[in-house]
Amino acid sequence: MAEESTPVFQIQRVYLKESSLEQPNSPGILLEKEQPSVDIQLGVEANAAAEGVFEVCVTATVHTKINEKTVFLVEVKQAGIFEIRNIGEEQMAQIMGIACPQIVYPYLRANVADLIQRSGFPPVHLSEINFQAMYEQQRAQAQADAPKIITQ
């Protein structure tokens, strides 16, 4: 019986789930001399894959523009499959919102830089992310957005 209540956290697999690259204004935009603006968006999502098994995805979108014209748009979704069992609800949320993304993120960073560089551009290196701060900010925002119950 003791085995059934022992917490389990294991990485089953880390994999590239999806990637795309668009260069809608090539080749003309490649002749521009201006430096492009770079917008980077990150997202994290977690879903149950089976009993005690979860998929956690970290997504990066890198959009570069020169004068409102797209130079390139890259979207990469890096995923991990994790076995997580016998862990309380609060700890589970933290593991899937902090620990799992921290494991997956270095692979995402490498794939984004590689895809951009192989496309003929200087690589864009995503900065390190404090997933704990991101998780806490999202929780605070969710609590602020929650409907307030007024009692009299």
Protein backbone atom coordinates (compact mmCIF):
# COMPACT_ATOMS: atom_id res chain seq x y z
CA MET A 1 0.00 0.00 0.00
CA ALA A 2 2.85 2.41 0.70
CA GLU A 3 3.82 2.35 -3.00
CA GLU A 4 0.40 3.62 -4.07
CA SER A 5 0.74 6.84 -2.05
CA THR A 6 4.37 7.55 -2.98
CA PRO A 7 4.57 10.72 -5.11
CA VAL A 8 5.68 10.09 -8.70
CA PHE A 9 7.16 12.63 -11.11
CA GLN A 10 8.83 11.25 -14.22
CA ILE A 11 9.60 12.63 -17.66
CA GLN A 12 8.32 10.21 -20.28
CA ARG A 13 9.30 12.19 -23.37
CA VAL A 14 10.13 15.68 -24.64
CA TYR A 15 9.26 16.35 -28.28
CA LEU A 16 8.67 19.02 -30.89
CA LYS A 17 4.90 19.03 -31.34
CA GLU A 18 4.54 21.72 -33.97
CA SER A 19 6.59 24.31 -35.84
CA SER A 20 5.87 26.74 -38.63
CA LEU A 21 7.72 29.48 -40.47
CA GLU A 22 6.24 32.10 -42.76
CA GLN A 23 8.14 34.62 -44.89
CA PRO A 24 5.23 36.24 -46.74
CA ASN A 25 7.21 39.24 -48.07
CA SER A 26 10.34 37.43 -49.26
CA PRO A 27 12.44 38.05 -51.23
CA GLY A 28 11.79 41.81 -51.31
CA ILE A 29 11.83 42.27 -47.53
CA LEU A 30 15.27 40.64 -47.38
CA LEU A 31 16.74 43.60 -49.27
CA GLU A 32 15.61 46.10 -46.59
CA LYS A 33 18.40 47.76 -44.63
CA GLU A 34 16.36 48.62 -41.51
CA GLN A 35 16.49 46.52 -38.36
CA PRO A 36 13.23 44.65 -37.82
CA SER A 37 11.14 44.93 -34.67
CA VAL A 38 10.77 41.64 -32.82
CA ASP A 39 7.69 40.60 -30.85
CA ILE A 40 7.90 37.40 -28.78
CA GLN A 41 4.89 35.76 -27.14
CA LEU A 42 5.05 32.72 -24.87
CA GLY A 43 2.32 30.42 -23.61
CA VAL A 44 2.02 27.33 -21.43
CA GLU A 45 -0.76 24.76 -21.47
CA ALA A 46 -1.24 21.43 -19.72
CA ASN A 47 -3.66 18.63 -20.54
CA ALA A 48 -4.30 15.14 -19.23
CA ALA A 49 -3.12 12.49 -21.70
CA ALA A 50 -4.06 9.41 -19.66
CA GLU A 51 -4.56 8.47 -16.01
CA GLY A 52 -1.65 10.12 -14.16
CA VAL A 53 0.01 11.19 -17.44
CA PHE A 54 0.03 14.79 -18.63
CA GLU A 55 1.21 16.70 -21.68
CA VAL A 56 2.67 20.13 -20.98
CA CYS A 57 3.29 22.42 -23.99
CA VAL A 58 5.27 25.62 -24.13
CA THR A 59 4.61 27.73 -27.22
CA ALA A 60 6.69 30.60 -28.63
CA THR A 61 5.61 32.97 -31.37
CA VAL A 62 8.31 35.21 -32.84
CA HIS A 63 7.03 37.90 -35.22
CA THR A 64 9.52 40.27 -36.87
CA LYS A 65 8.43 43.28 -38.91
CA ILE A 66 9.90 46.19 -40.85
CA ASN A 67 7.43 49.05 -41.28
CA GLU A 68 4.40 46.84 -40.57
CA LYS A 69 5.56 44.27 -43.17
CA THR A 70 6.31 40.82 -41.82
CA VAL A 71 9.89 39.66 -42.23
CA PHE A 72 9.15 36.27 -40.69
CA LEU A 73 6.70 34.66 -38.32
CA VAL A 74 7.79 31.57 -36.40
CA GLU A 75 5.56 29.49 -34.14
CA VAL A 76 7.00 26.55 -32.23
CA LYS A 77 5.22 24.28 -29.75
CA GLN A 78 7.49 22.11 -27.62
CA ALA A 79 5.83 19.45 -25.48
CA GLY A 80 6.67 17.02 -22.75
CA ILE A 81 4.85 14.00 -21.43
CA PHE A 82 5.09 13.61 -17.67
CA GLU A 83 3.88 10.93 -15.30
CA ILE A 84 2.61 12.68 -12.17
CA ARG A 85 0.82 10.70 -9.49
CA ASN A 86 -0.11 10.94 -5.82
CA ILE A 87 0.46 14.67 -5.57
CA GLY A 88 -1.95 17.18 -4.02
CA GLU A 89 -3.95 19.55 -6.19
CA GLU A 90 -1.97 22.68 -5.23
CA GLN A 91 1.39 20.96 -5.80
CA MET A 92 0.10 19.49 -9.06
CA ALA A 93 -0.76 22.95 -10.39
CA GLN A 94 2.71 24.20 -9.46
CA ILE A 95 4.46 21.21 -11.04
CA MET A 96 2.55 21.62 -14.31
CA GLY A 97 2.86 25.42 -14.28
CA ILE A 98 6.49 25.72 -13.15
CA ALA A 99 8.55 22.49 -13.10
CA CYS A 100 7.35 20.94 -16.37
CA PRO A 101 7.71 24.15 -18.45
CA GLN A 102 11.22 24.63 -17.02
CA ILE A 103 12.16 21.19 -18.35
CA VAL A 104 10.59 21.74 -21.79
CA TYR A 105 11.70 25.36 -22.34
CA PRO A 106 15.42 24.77 -23.19
CA TYR A 107 14.36 22.50 -26.05
CA LEU A 108 11.94 25.18 -27.27
CA ARG A 109 14.69 27.83 -27.17
CA ALA A 110 17.04 25.64 -29.21
CA ASN A 111 14.37 24.78 -31.80
CA VAL A 112 13.32 28.42 -32.26
CA ALA A 113 16.92 29.61 -32.74
CA ASP A 114 17.69 26.71 -35.09
CA LEU A 115 14.57 27.18 -37.25
CA ILE A 116 15.20 30.91 -37.63
CA GLN A 117 18.88 30.43 -38.43
CA ARG A 118 18.18 27.68 -40.97
CA SER A 119 15.78 30.10 -42.64
CA GLY A 120 18.65 32.45 -43.45
CA PHE A 121 18.22 34.91 -40.58
CA PRO A 122 20.36 35.61 -37.55
CA PRO A 123 19.06 33.40 -34.72
CA VAL A 124 16.67 34.88 -32.18
CA HIS A 125 17.65 33.64 -28.73
CA LEU A 126 14.74 33.54 -26.33
CA SER A 127 15.71 34.82 -22.89
CA GLU A 128 15.51 32.73 -19.75
CA ILE A 129 12.05 32.67 -18.18
CA ASN A 130 11.18 32.60 -14.50
CA PHE A 131 8.22 30.23 -14.73
CA GLN A 132 7.49 30.58 -11.02
CA ALA A 133 6.99 34.35 -11.40
CA MET A 134 4.91 33.77 -14.54
CA TYR A 135 2.77 31.17 -12.72
CA GLU A 136 2.22 33.46 -9.74
CA GLN A 137 1.31 36.38 -12.01
CA GLN A 138 -1.24 34.24 -13.88
CA ARG A 139 -2.78 33.05 -10.59
CA ALA A 140 -3.01 36.62 -9.28
CA GLN A 141 -4.63 37.71 -12.54
CA ALA A 142 -7.11 34.82 -12.40
CA GLN A 143 -8.05 35.74 -8.82
CA ALA A 144 -8.48 39.40 -9.78
CA ASP A 145 -10.69 38.40 -12.72
CA ALA A 146 -12.83 36.00 -10.64
CA PRO A 147 -16.35 37.24 -9.95
CA LYS A 148 -16.75 38.69 -6.50
CA ILE A 149 -19.48 37.35 -4.26
CA ILE A 150 -21.11 40.04 -2.18
CA THR A 151 -22.86 38.97 0.99
CA GLN A 152 -25.03 41.17 3.14
